[in-house]
Amino acid sequence: MSTNSISNSGPLRDIKILDFTRAYAGPFSTMLLADLGATVIKIEPPEGDFIREIGPFVSEENKDGGIGGFFNSVNRNKRSIAVDLKTKEGQTVVHDLVKECDALICNFSTPKVMNKFNLDYEQVKLMNPQLVYVSISGYGTNYVVDSKYEGKPTVDIMMQAESGAMSITGSETGENYKIGPGVGDSYAGVMAAIALLSAIIERQNSGKGQFIDIAMLDSMIHLCERIVYQYSYTGKSPKPEGNRHPFQAPYSIYDTKDGKIAIAGLPDRYWIRLCKAMDREDILSDKRFETSIKRREHQDVIDEIITTWTTQYTRKEAMEILDHYGCLAAPLNKAEDLFHNEHVKAREMLIDIEANPFTGEKRKIIGVPFKFSETKAEIKHRAPLIGEHSQDTLRDLLNYSEDQINDLVEKNVIKIKNTDVKMSNNI
């Protein structure tokens, strides 16, 4: 690839993926794969993915060339081809890419969207029998098993509600809250990445690709596994516990002079350590607290004891004592705390990335959680501009001539990057 292309490293450096995803679940999945070194070719309409319009932006004036915070975070390390799939020539371009790629991911609410462009699995399989085809949607498709709601549109809060996740997330008085991060989307994205890689490994034996159906609701039910076995074993639906745990105590969030900390006390050795840290070894002989079951029954008393101790200290002071005794405790951090956390810095979990290609200004986004000893997974490039890699990919991957590419540009079949924008391969 040329100098504008992304050089690949990482364990997936030989894998090529066509990315037809929008919004969050799909882009999060292909973000993971791109971070692991896969060549992810993002197929966009000429106007670009709609989440390019979502900020925050460094510059409201030029909207950072369409790579605001949301888009930049989940589309880093990817290449963009802007192609009009409503045209026959545009479909031909993508069909040529299908023949060269290992996998395809889409996340439309209905597979009929891909059918319109002659990109449904049955047609794609004829072009490339080895291709792994992943569909992410709210309720799944009817291709592998039945879906009663194929094509029904969905968003994160619907999946959190319908899966049961919100039934145990909330206050002890019964109020229900959604989980802060968009896990209805991101967890489905993780499941899609795992499934795709599994199918690629299986292909080494069979030589065949396959269709993979990932439903956001299925994924969220999978994430909520505890409520399923609880109801199955007890016949009772779990309810919101606030910050408490249904089987363990202590297990909650506690106030200090200037913040909050999380403390847990199970198994018994951690309960003993906590009592020593609080200089309350006297309660170790209290029969109300002699077993984990009894401690759960008397959690109100335990929480009062712990709060009386924690509120004597600042968060830092309390954590120093708890850490000294090897307790299960952690500060309740806000986003700004992560930016000043030496451990987070050491783990490279906040990475500077070019945020505005007009000025080269940088901002931080999440780093890569995969730490390999030999094949490093890393962020090499900000999210692409619309069509930033159209020319490179068609020329270097498909061997299109410059005349062919220019003809497609003139016909508005493909869009290429704005040549006025300052380009940089630096993250």
Foldseek 3Di string as FASTA:
>chain_A
DDPQAFQFFAPQQVAEEEEAEADFQRLQLVLQVLLRGYAYEYEAALVGHPCLPPADAPDPVCSLLSCHPVNQQSFFNYHFWHFHLQDPVLLVLVLLVLLQGAEYEYEALALVVCVSSLRRPVSSCVSPQRYAYEYEHAQKPPPPHDTPDRSDHDAQVVLCVVLCVQQADDEPVFDTDGDDDSCLRHQLSVVRNVVSVVQNVVCVVVVGYDYHIGHSNVSSNVVVVVQVVVCVVPVDGDGHDHQCDPQFPPFGWEDEQAAIKTFGCPDPVQVCLVCVLLVNNVCCPPPCPVHRNSCSVVRVVVNVSVNVRRHVHDPVVSVVSSVVSPHPMDGPDDPVVCVVDVVNVVQVQWDWAQRRQQVSDTDIYGWRNDCDPPTRRGRFHTRDNHQACNVVCCCPVVVDDPVRVVVCVVVVRIDHDDPNGHDDRHD
